[in-house]
Full PDB file with SEQRES, HELIX, SHEET, SSBOND, CRYST1, ORIGX, SCALE, CONECT and MASTER records, all heavy atoms in Angstrom:
SEQRES   1 A   37  ALA GLU LEU GLU GLU ARG GLU TYR GLU VAL THR ALA GLY          
SEQRES   2 A   37  GLY GLY ALA VAL SER LEU LYS ILE SER GLY ALA ARG ARG          
SEQRES   3 A   37  VAL THR ASP ILE LYS ILE ASP PRO GLU ILE ILE                  
HELIX    1 AA1 GLU A    2  GLU A    5  1                                   4    
HELIX    2 AA2 PRO A   34  ILE A   36  5                                   3    
SHEET    1 AA1 3 GLU A   7  ALA A  12  0                                        
SHEET    2 AA1 3 VAL A  17  SER A  22 -1                                        
SHEET    3 AA1 3 VAL A  27  ILE A  32 -1                                        
CRYST1    1.000    1.000    1.000  90.00  90.00  90.00 P 1           1          
ORIGX1      1.000000  0.000000  0.000000        0.00000                         
ORIGX2      0.000000  1.000000  0.000000        0.00000                         
ORIGX3      0.000000  0.000000  1.000000        0.00000                         
SCALE1      1.000000  0.000000  0.000000        0.00000                         
SCALE2      0.000000  1.000000  0.000000        0.00000                         
SCALE3      0.000000  0.000000  1.000000        0.00000                         
ATOM      1  N   ALA A   1     129.557 108.721  98.849  1.00  0.00           N  
ATOM      2  CA  ALA A   1     128.235 109.358  98.969  1.00  0.00           C  
ATOM      3  C   ALA A   1     127.404 108.663 100.047  1.00  0.00           C  
ATOM      4  O   ALA A   1     126.730 109.327 100.849  1.00  0.00           O  
ATOM      5  CB  ALA A   1     127.509 109.319  97.631  1.00  0.00           C  
ATOM      6  N   GLU A   2     127.462 107.341 100.086  1.00  0.00           N  
ATOM      7  CA  GLU A   2     126.727 106.578 101.098  1.00  0.00           C  
ATOM      8  C   GLU A   2     127.250 106.905 102.503  1.00  0.00           C  
ATOM      9  O   GLU A   2     126.465 107.095 103.440  1.00  0.00           O  
ATOM     10  CB  GLU A   2     126.865 105.080 100.844  1.00  0.00           C  
ATOM     11  CG  GLU A   2     126.187 104.219 101.886  1.00  0.00           C  
ATOM     12  CD  GLU A   2     126.529 102.751 101.743  1.00  0.00           C  
ATOM     13  OE1 GLU A   2     126.713 102.267 100.609  1.00  0.00           O  
ATOM     14  OE2 GLU A   2     126.625 102.083 102.792  1.00  0.00           O  
ATOM     15  N   LEU A   3     128.557 106.979 102.643  1.00  0.00           N  
ATOM     16  CA  LEU A   3     129.148 107.287 103.948  1.00  0.00           C  
ATOM     17  C   LEU A   3     128.721 108.666 104.438  1.00  0.00           C  
ATOM     18  O   LEU A   3     128.472 108.862 105.627  1.00  0.00           O  
ATOM     19  CB  LEU A   3     130.679 107.192 103.878  1.00  0.00           C  
ATOM     20  CG  LEU A   3     131.255 105.785 103.767  1.00  0.00           C  
ATOM     21  CD1 LEU A   3     132.736 105.847 103.400  1.00  0.00           C  
ATOM     22  CD2 LEU A   3     131.056 105.003 105.049  1.00  0.00           C  
ATOM     23  N   GLU A   4     128.635 109.636 103.536  1.00  0.00           N  
ATOM     24  CA  GLU A   4     128.227 110.983 103.933  1.00  0.00           C  
ATOM     25  C   GLU A   4     126.782 111.032 104.413  1.00  0.00           C  
ATOM     26  O   GLU A   4     126.431 111.858 105.237  1.00  0.00           O  
ATOM     27  CB  GLU A   4     128.426 111.969 102.778  1.00  0.00           C  
ATOM     28  CG  GLU A   4     129.866 112.355 102.586  1.00  0.00           C  
ATOM     29  CD  GLU A   4     130.052 113.567 101.701  1.00  0.00           C  
ATOM     30  OE1 GLU A   4     129.051 114.167 101.249  1.00  0.00           O  
ATOM     31  OE2 GLU A   4     131.211 113.928 101.467  1.00  0.00           O  
ATOM     32  N   GLU A   5     125.948 110.118 103.921  1.00  0.00           N  
ATOM     33  CA  GLU A   5     124.537 110.092 104.305  1.00  0.00           C  
ATOM     34  C   GLU A   5     124.299 109.389 105.642  1.00  0.00           C  
ATOM     35  O   GLU A   5     123.238 109.546 106.243  1.00  0.00           O  
ATOM     36  CB  GLU A   5     123.706 109.399 103.217  1.00  0.00           C  
ATOM     37  CG  GLU A   5     123.657 110.158 101.912  1.00  0.00           C  
ATOM     38  CD  GLU A   5     122.981 111.511 102.053  1.00  0.00           C  
ATOM     39  OE1 GLU A   5     121.938 111.608 102.732  1.00  0.00           O  
ATOM     40  OE2 GLU A   5     123.506 112.492 101.496  1.00  0.00           O  
ATOM     41  N   ARG A   6     125.248 108.633 106.114  1.00  0.00           N  
ATOM     42  CA  ARG A   6     125.077 107.906 107.366  1.00  0.00           C  
ATOM     43  C   ARG A   6     124.984 108.867 108.541  1.00  0.00           C  
ATOM     44  O   ARG A   6     125.485 109.983 108.497  1.00  0.00           O  
ATOM     45  CB  ARG A   6     126.237 106.946 107.597  1.00  0.00           C  
ATOM     46  CG  ARG A   6     126.203 105.769 106.656  1.00  0.00           C  
ATOM     47  CD  ARG A   6     127.269 104.782 106.989  1.00  0.00           C  
ATOM     48  NE  ARG A   6     127.297 103.739 105.973  1.00  0.00           N  
ATOM     49  CZ  ARG A   6     128.217 102.813 105.901  1.00  0.00           C  
ATOM     50  NH1 ARG A   6     129.186 102.774 106.800  1.00  0.00           N  
ATOM     51  NH2 ARG A   6     128.180 101.906 104.949  1.00  0.00           N  
ATOM     52  N   GLU A   7     124.338 108.375 109.593  1.00  0.00           N  
ATOM     53  CA  GLU A   7     124.229 109.169 110.810  1.00  0.00           C  
ATOM     54  C   GLU A   7     124.717 108.325 111.979  1.00  0.00           C  
ATOM     55  O   GLU A   7     124.414 107.145 112.080  1.00  0.00           O  
ATOM     56  CB  GLU A   7     122.781 109.602 111.030  1.00  0.00           C  
ATOM     57  CG  GLU A   7     122.624 110.600 112.141  1.00  0.00           C  
ATOM     58  CD  GLU A   7     121.238 111.185 112.212  1.00  0.00           C  
ATOM     59  OE1 GLU A   7     120.318 110.468 112.621  1.00  0.00           O  
ATOM     60  OE2 GLU A   7     121.094 112.364 111.837  1.00  0.00           O  
ATOM     61  N   TYR A   8     125.482 108.951 112.852  1.00  0.00           N  
ATOM     62  CA  TYR A   8     126.069 108.281 114.003  1.00  0.00           C  
ATOM     63  C   TYR A   8     125.562 108.957 115.267  1.00  0.00           C  
ATOM     64  O   TYR A   8     125.439 110.176 115.316  1.00  0.00           O  
ATOM     65  CB  TYR A   8     127.597 108.372 113.946  1.00  0.00           C  
ATOM     66  CG  TYR A   8     128.186 107.747 112.707  1.00  0.00           C  
ATOM     67  CD1 TYR A   8     128.222 108.444 111.493  1.00  0.00           C  
ATOM     68  CD2 TYR A   8     128.691 106.460 112.732  1.00  0.00           C  
ATOM     69  CE1 TYR A   8     128.749 107.871 110.354  1.00  0.00           C  
ATOM     70  CE2 TYR A   8     129.231 105.885 111.596  1.00  0.00           C  
ATOM     71  CZ  TYR A   8     129.255 106.584 110.410  1.00  0.00           C  
ATOM     72  OH  TYR A   8     129.775 106.015 109.278  1.00  0.00           O  
ATOM     73  N   GLU A   9     125.284 108.141 116.276  1.00  0.00           N  
ATOM     74  CA  GLU A   9     124.854 108.682 117.561  1.00  0.00           C  
ATOM     75  C   GLU A   9     125.943 108.394 118.587  1.00  0.00           C  
ATOM     76  O   GLU A   9     126.453 107.280 118.681  1.00  0.00           O  
ATOM     77  CB  GLU A   9     123.535 108.041 117.986  1.00  0.00           C  
ATOM     78  CG  GLU A   9     122.823 108.843 119.026  1.00  0.00           C  
ATOM     79  CD  GLU A   9     121.346 108.481 119.145  1.00  0.00           C  
ATOM     80  OE1 GLU A   9     120.758 108.014 118.159  1.00  0.00           O  
ATOM     81  OE2 GLU A   9     120.815 108.675 120.243  1.00  0.00           O  
ATOM     82  N   VAL A  10     126.294 109.412 119.357  1.00  0.00           N  
ATOM     83  CA  VAL A  10     127.387 109.326 120.319  1.00  0.00           C  
ATOM     84  C   VAL A  10     126.910 109.900 121.643  1.00  0.00           C  
ATOM     85  O   VAL A  10     126.144 110.866 121.659  1.00  0.00           O  
ATOM     86  CB  VAL A  10     128.600 110.143 119.807  1.00  0.00           C  
ATOM     87  CG1 VAL A  10     129.727 110.132 120.807  1.00  0.00           C  
ATOM     88  CG2 VAL A  10     129.077 109.633 118.466  1.00  0.00           C  
ATOM     89  N   THR A  11     127.384 109.305 122.737  1.00  0.00           N  
ATOM     90  CA  THR A  11     127.099 109.868 124.058  1.00  0.00           C  
ATOM     91  C   THR A  11     128.410 110.124 124.779  1.00  0.00           C  
ATOM     92  O   THR A  11     129.427 109.495 124.483  1.00  0.00           O  
ATOM     93  CB  THR A  11     126.225 108.925 124.913  1.00  0.00           C  
ATOM     94  OG1 THR A  11     126.919 107.701 125.102  1.00  0.00           O  
ATOM     95  CG2 THR A  11     124.886 108.676 124.260  1.00  0.00           C  
ATOM     96  N   ALA A  12     128.356 111.048 125.719  1.00  0.00           N  
ATOM     97  CA  ALA A  12     129.535 111.367 126.540  1.00  0.00           C  
ATOM     98  C   ALA A  12     129.045 111.788 127.919  1.00  0.00           C  
ATOM     99  O   ALA A  12     127.867 112.092 128.114  1.00  0.00           O  
ATOM    100  CB  ALA A  12     130.355 112.473 125.887  1.00  0.00           C  
ATOM    101  N   GLY A  13     129.966 111.817 128.852  1.00  0.00           N  
ATOM    102  CA  GLY A  13     129.630 112.234 130.205  1.00  0.00           C  
ATOM    103  C   GLY A  13     128.644 111.291 130.857  1.00  0.00           C  
ATOM    104  O   GLY A  13     127.728 111.725 131.546  1.00  0.00           O  
ATOM    105  N   GLY A  14     128.819 109.991 130.601  1.00  0.00           N  
ATOM    106  CA  GLY A  14     127.910 109.014 131.186  1.00  0.00           C  
ATOM    107  C   GLY A  14     126.499 109.123 130.643  1.00  0.00           C  
ATOM    108  O   GLY A  14     125.539 108.788 131.323  1.00  0.00           O  
ATOM    109  N   GLY A  15     126.343 109.609 129.433  1.00  0.00           N  
ATOM    110  CA  GLY A  15     125.036 109.755 128.811  1.00  0.00           C  
ATOM    111  C   GLY A  15     124.410 111.125 129.032  1.00  0.00           C  
ATOM    112  O   GLY A  15     123.297 111.379 128.574  1.00  0.00           O  
ATOM    113  N   ALA A  16     125.124 112.013 129.710  1.00  0.00           N  
ATOM    114  CA  ALA A  16     124.594 113.350 129.970  1.00  0.00           C  
ATOM    115  C   ALA A  16     124.465 114.180 128.695  1.00  0.00           C  
ATOM    116  O   ALA A  16     123.618 115.055 128.601  1.00  0.00           O  
ATOM    117  CB  ALA A  16     125.477 114.075 130.973  1.00  0.00           C  
ATOM    118  N   VAL A  17     125.307 113.874 127.722  1.00  0.00           N  
ATOM    119  CA  VAL A  17     125.260 114.555 126.422  1.00  0.00           C  
ATOM    120  C   VAL A  17     125.184 113.485 125.339  1.00  0.00           C  
ATOM    121  O   VAL A  17     125.922 112.502 125.368  1.00  0.00           O  
ATOM    122  CB  VAL A  17     126.513 115.441 126.202  1.00  0.00           C  
ATOM    123  CG1 VAL A  17     126.564 115.960 124.773  1.00  0.00           C  
ATOM    124  CG2 VAL A  17     126.532 116.592 127.185  1.00  0.00           C  
ATOM    125  N   SER A  18     124.261 113.680 124.420  1.00  0.00           N  
ATOM    126  CA  SER A  18     124.219 112.807 123.247  1.00  0.00           C  
ATOM    127  C   SER A  18     124.153 113.699 122.019  1.00  0.00           C  
ATOM    128  O   SER A  18     123.591 114.798 122.066  1.00  0.00           O  
ATOM    129  CB  SER A  18     123.024 111.851 123.294  1.00  0.00           C  
ATOM    130  OG  SER A  18     121.819 112.557 123.206  1.00  0.00           O  
ATOM    131  N   LEU A  19     124.772 113.220 120.971  1.00  0.00           N  
ATOM    132  CA  LEU A  19     124.721 113.992 119.734  1.00  0.00           C  
ATOM    133  C   LEU A  19     124.639 113.056 118.550  1.00  0.00           C  
ATOM    134  O   LEU A  19     124.974 111.888 118.634  1.00  0.00           O  
ATOM    135  CB  LEU A  19     125.911 114.949 119.608  1.00  0.00           C  
ATOM    136  CG  LEU A  19     127.326 114.401 119.432  1.00  0.00           C  
ATOM    137  CD1 LEU A  19     127.620 114.060 117.978  1.00  0.00           C  
ATOM    138  CD2 LEU A  19     128.313 115.442 119.902  1.00  0.00           C  
ATOM    139  N   LYS A  20     124.157 113.624 117.466  1.00  0.00           N  
ATOM    140  CA  LYS A  20     124.116 112.920 116.188  1.00  0.00           C  
ATOM    141  C   LYS A  20     125.041 113.672 115.250  1.00  0.00           C  
ATOM    142  O   LYS A  20     125.059 114.897 115.222  1.00  0.00           O  
ATOM    143  CB  LYS A  20     122.698 112.882 115.617  1.00  0.00           C  
ATOM    144  CG  LYS A  20     121.773 112.006 116.425  1.00  0.00           C  
ATOM    145  CD  LYS A  20     120.397 111.961 115.815  1.00  0.00           C  
ATOM    146  CE  LYS A  20     119.472 111.113 116.683  1.00  0.00           C  
ATOM    147  NZ  LYS A  20     118.119 111.088 116.162  1.00  0.00           N  
ATOM    148  N   ILE A  21     125.810 112.888 114.495  1.00  0.00           N  
ATOM    149  CA  ILE A  21     126.741 113.471 113.532  1.00  0.00           C  
ATOM    150  C   ILE A  21     126.612 112.694 112.225  1.00  0.00           C  
ATOM    151  O   ILE A  21     126.466 111.477 112.229  1.00  0.00           O  
ATOM    152  CB  ILE A  21     128.198 113.457 114.078  1.00  0.00           C  
ATOM    153  CG1 ILE A  21     129.152 114.173 113.124  1.00  0.00           C  
ATOM    154  CG2 ILE A  21     128.654 112.050 114.381  1.00  0.00           C  
ATOM    155  CD1 ILE A  21     130.535 114.432 113.718  1.00  0.00           C  
ATOM    156  N   SER A  22     126.639 113.408 111.135  1.00  0.00           N  
ATOM    157  CA  SER A  22     126.527 112.759 109.827  1.00  0.00           C  
ATOM    158  C   SER A  22     127.892 112.289 109.351  1.00  0.00           C  
ATOM    159  O   SER A  22     128.927 112.722 109.874  1.00  0.00           O  
ATOM    160  CB  SER A  22     125.937 113.739 108.804  1.00  0.00           C  
ATOM    161  OG  SER A  22     126.895 114.718 108.452  1.00  0.00           O  
ATOM    162  N   GLY A  23     127.870 111.425 108.363  1.00  0.00           N  
ATOM    163  CA  GLY A  23     129.107 110.967 107.752  1.00  0.00           C  
ATOM    164  C   GLY A  23     129.869 112.095 107.079  1.00  0.00           C  
ATOM    165  O   GLY A  23     131.058 111.974 106.794  1.00  0.00           O  
ATOM    166  N   ALA A  24     129.194 113.213 106.845  1.00  0.00           N  
ATOM    167  CA  ALA A  24     129.836 114.398 106.279  1.00  0.00           C  
ATOM    168  C   ALA A  24     130.463 115.258 107.379  1.00  0.00           C  
ATOM    169  O   ALA A  24     130.891 116.380 107.130  1.00  0.00           O  
ATOM    170  CB  ALA A  24     128.826 115.224 105.484  1.00  0.00           C  
ATOM    171  N   ARG A  25     130.489 114.703 108.601  1.00  0.00           N  
ATOM    172  CA  ARG A  25     131.091 115.353 109.765  1.00  0.00           C  
ATOM    173  C   ARG A  25     130.367 116.637 110.154  1.00  0.00           C  
ATOM    174  O   ARG A  25     130.973 117.637 110.510  1.00  0.00           O  
ATOM    175  CB  ARG A  25     132.584 115.611 109.536  1.00  0.00           C  
ATOM    176  CG  ARG A  25     133.380 114.326 109.407  1.00  0.00           C  
ATOM    177  CD  ARG A  25     134.731 114.575 108.768  1.00  0.00           C  
ATOM    178  NE  ARG A  25     135.448 113.335 108.523  1.00  0.00           N  
ATOM    179  CZ  ARG A  25     135.295 112.571 107.458  1.00  0.00           C  
ATOM    180  NH1 ARG A  25     134.414 112.881 106.537  1.00  0.00           N  
ATOM    181  NH2 ARG A  25     136.016 111.470 107.301  1.00  0.00           N  
ATOM    182  N   ARG A  26     129.043 116.581 110.107  1.00  0.00           N  
ATOM    183  CA  ARG A  26     128.205 117.698 110.522  1.00  0.00           C  
ATOM    184  C   ARG A  26     127.382 117.253 111.724  1.00  0.00           C  
ATOM    185  O   ARG A  26     126.688 116.241 111.664  1.00  0.00           O  
ATOM    186  CB  ARG A  26     127.234 118.116 109.413  1.00  0.00           C  
ATOM    187  CG  ARG A  26     127.909 118.512 108.120  1.00  0.00           C  
ATOM    188  CD  ARG A  26     128.118 120.017 108.086  1.00  0.00           C  
ATOM    189  NE  ARG A  26     128.545 120.434 106.773  1.00  0.00           N  
ATOM    190  CZ  ARG A  26     129.786 120.767 106.484  1.00  0.00           C  
ATOM    191  NH1 ARG A  26     130.718 120.709 107.400  1.00  0.00           N  
ATOM    192  NH2 ARG A  26     130.115 121.157 105.280  1.00  0.00           N  
ATOM    193  N   VAL A  27     127.465 118.001 112.813  1.00  0.00           N  
ATOM    194  CA  VAL A  27     126.648 117.704 113.983  1.00  0.00           C  
ATOM    195  C   VAL A  27     125.221 118.119 113.642  1.00  0.00           C  
ATOM    196  O   VAL A  27     124.971 119.264 113.268  1.00  0.00           O  
ATOM    197  CB  VAL A  27     127.160 118.446 115.233  1.00  0.00           C  
ATOM    198  CG1 VAL A  27     126.237 118.221 116.411  1.00  0.00           C  
ATOM    199  CG2 VAL A  27     128.582 117.997 115.573  1.00  0.00           C  
ATOM    200  N   THR A  28     124.282 117.163 113.749  1.00  0.00           N  
ATOM    201  CA  THR A  28     122.898 117.439 113.370  1.00  0.00           C  
ATOM    202  C   THR A  28     121.969 117.578 114.566  1.00  0.00           C  
ATOM    203  O   THR A  28     120.864 118.090 114.428  1.00  0.00           O  
ATOM    204  CB  THR A  28     122.365 116.343 112.430  1.00  0.00           C  
ATOM    205  OG1 THR A  28     122.447 115.070 113.092  1.00  0.00           O  
ATOM    206  CG2 THR A  28     123.154 116.303 111.129  1.00  0.00           C  
ATOM    207  N   ASP A  29     122.413 117.128 115.738  1.00  0.00           N  
ATOM    208  CA  ASP A  29     121.568 117.220 116.919  1.00  0.00           C  
ATOM    209  C   ASP A  29     122.420 117.071 118.173  1.00  0.00           C  
ATOM    210  O   ASP A  29     123.385 116.300 118.182  1.00  0.00           O  
ATOM    211  CB  ASP A  29     120.501 116.118 116.896  1.00  0.00           C  
ATOM    212  CG  ASP A  29     119.448 116.295 117.978  1.00  0.00           C  
ATOM    213  OD1 ASP A  29     119.068 117.441 118.280  1.00  0.00           O  
ATOM    214  OD2 ASP A  29     119.007 115.269 118.540  1.00  0.00           O  
ATOM    215  N   ILE A  30     122.075 117.825 119.210  1.00  0.00           N  
ATOM    216  CA  ILE A  30     122.733 117.703 120.516  1.00  0.00           C  
ATOM    217  C   ILE A  30     121.645 117.721 121.577  1.00  0.00           C  
ATOM    218  O   ILE A  30     120.758 118.584 121.547  1.00  0.00           O  
ATOM    219  CB  ILE A  30     123.730 118.851 120.790  1.00  0.00           C  
ATOM    220  CG1 ILE A  30     124.894 118.820 119.817  1.00  0.00           C  
ATOM    221  CG2 ILE A  30     124.245 118.774 122.222  1.00  0.00           C  
ATOM    222  CD1 ILE A  30     125.903 119.957 120.003  1.00  0.00           C  
ATOM    223  N   LYS A  31     121.728 116.776 122.488  1.00  0.00           N  
ATOM    224  CA  LYS A  31     120.826 116.755 123.632  1.00  0.00           C  
ATOM    225  C   LYS A  31     121.684 116.802 124.900  1.00  0.00           C  
ATOM    226  O   LYS A  31     122.645 116.053 125.027  1.00  0.00           O  
ATOM    227  CB  LYS A  31     119.974 115.496 123.613  1.00  0.00           C  
ATOM    228  CG  LYS A  31     118.924 115.506 122.501  1.00  0.00           C  
ATOM    229  CD  LYS A  31     117.968 114.349 122.636  1.00  0.00           C  
ATOM    230  CE  LYS A  31     116.841 114.418 121.660  1.00  0.00           C  
ATOM    231  NZ  LYS A  31     117.105 114.436 120.300  1.00  0.00           N  
ATOM    232  N   ILE A  32     121.311 117.688 125.812  1.00  0.00           N  
ATOM    233  CA  ILE A  32     122.051 117.856 127.056  1.00  0.00           C  
ATOM    234  C   ILE A  32     121.082 117.624 128.214  1.00  0.00           C  
ATOM    235  O   ILE A  32     120.018 118.251 128.283  1.00  0.00           O  
ATOM    236  CB  ILE A  32     122.658 119.276 127.152  1.00  0.00           C  
ATOM    237  CG1 ILE A  32     123.593 119.532 125.969  1.00  0.00           C  
ATOM    238  CG2 ILE A  32     123.381 119.468 128.477  1.00  0.00           C  
ATOM    239  CD1 ILE A  32     124.059 120.963 125.838  1.00  0.00           C  
ATOM    240  N   ASP A  33     121.470 116.727 129.103  1.00  0.00           N  
ATOM    241  CA  ASP A  33     120.677 116.493 130.301  1.00  0.00           C  
ATOM    242  C   ASP A  33     120.736 117.760 131.153  1.00  0.00           C  
ATOM    243  O   ASP A  33     121.816 118.193 131.557  1.00  0.00           O  
ATOM    244  CB  ASP A  33     121.255 115.299 131.064  1.00  0.00           C  
ATOM    245  CG  ASP A  33     120.472 114.952 132.309  1.00  0.00           C  
ATOM    246  OD1 ASP A  33     119.597 115.750 132.722  1.00  0.00           O  
ATOM    247  OD2 ASP A  33     120.733 113.876 132.875  1.00  0.00           O  
ATOM    248  N   PRO A  34     119.584 118.370 131.447  1.00  0.00           N  
ATOM    249  CA  PRO A  34     119.579 119.618 132.229  1.00  0.00           C  
ATOM    250  C   PRO A  34     120.248 119.484 133.597  1.00  0.00           C  
ATOM    251  O   PRO A  34     120.748 120.478 134.141  1.00  0.00           O  
ATOM    252  CB  PRO A  34     118.093 119.936 132.401  1.00  0.00           C  
ATOM    253  CG  PRO A  34     117.381 119.143 131.372  1.00  0.00           C  
ATOM    254  CD  PRO A  34     118.243 117.962 131.043  1.00  0.00           C  
ATOM    255  N   GLU A  35     120.321 118.275 134.113  1.00  0.00           N  
ATOM    256  CA  GLU A  35     120.942 118.053 135.425  1.00  0.00           C  
ATOM    257  C   GLU A  35     122.425 118.437 135.446  1.00  0.00           C  
ATOM    258  O   GLU A  35     122.960 118.759 136.500  1.00  0.00           O  
ATOM    259  CB  GLU A  35     120.806 116.580 135.828  1.00  0.00           C  
ATOM    260  CG  GLU A  35     119.382 116.110 135.986  1.00  0.00           C  
ATOM    261  CD  GLU A  35     118.793 116.493 137.322  1.00  0.00           C  
ATOM    262  OE1 GLU A  35     119.504 116.413 138.334  1.00  0.00           O  
ATOM    263  OE2 GLU A  35     117.617 116.880 137.335  1.00  0.00           O  
ATOM    264  N   ILE A  36     123.083 118.378 134.287  1.00  0.00           N  
ATOM    265  CA  ILE A  36     124.528 118.658 134.289  1.00  0.00           C  
ATOM    266  C   ILE A  36     124.858 120.120 134.010  1.00  0.00           C  
ATOM    267  O   ILE A  36     126.006 120.507 134.028  1.00  0.00           O  
ATOM    268  CB  ILE A  36     125.294 117.762 133.298  1.00  0.00           C  
ATOM    269  CG1 ILE A  36     124.945 118.118 131.857  1.00  0.00           C  
ATOM    270  CG2 ILE A  36     125.064 116.304 133.590  1.00  0.00           C  
ATOM    271  CD1 ILE A  36     125.976 117.660 130.876  1.00  0.00           C  
ATOM    272  N   ILE A  37     123.836 120.908 133.764  1.00  0.00           N  
ATOM    273  CA  ILE A  37     124.079 122.323 133.483  1.00  0.00           C  
ATOM    274  C   ILE A  37     124.266 123.058 134.811  1.00  0.00           C  
ATOM    275  O   ILE A  37     123.335 123.210 135.594  1.00  0.00           O  
ATOM    276  CB  ILE A  37     122.936 122.937 132.661  1.00  0.00           C  
ATOM    277  CG1 ILE A  37     122.819 122.219 131.319  1.00  0.00           C  
ATOM    278  CG2 ILE A  37     123.179 124.430 132.459  1.00  0.00           C  
ATOM    279  CD1 ILE A  37     121.627 122.639 130.491  1.00  0.00           C  
TER     280      ILE A  37                                                      
MASTER        0    0    0    2    3    0    0    6  279    1    0    3          
END                                                                             
């Protein structure tokens, strides 16, 4: 239950994309640098 409540922050593309994912393996947020679009 504790693991499912945790939140992880990940970046990719040299920081151009960042996302948050819960321990329940649900993506809760995505941020995309407009420069890479």
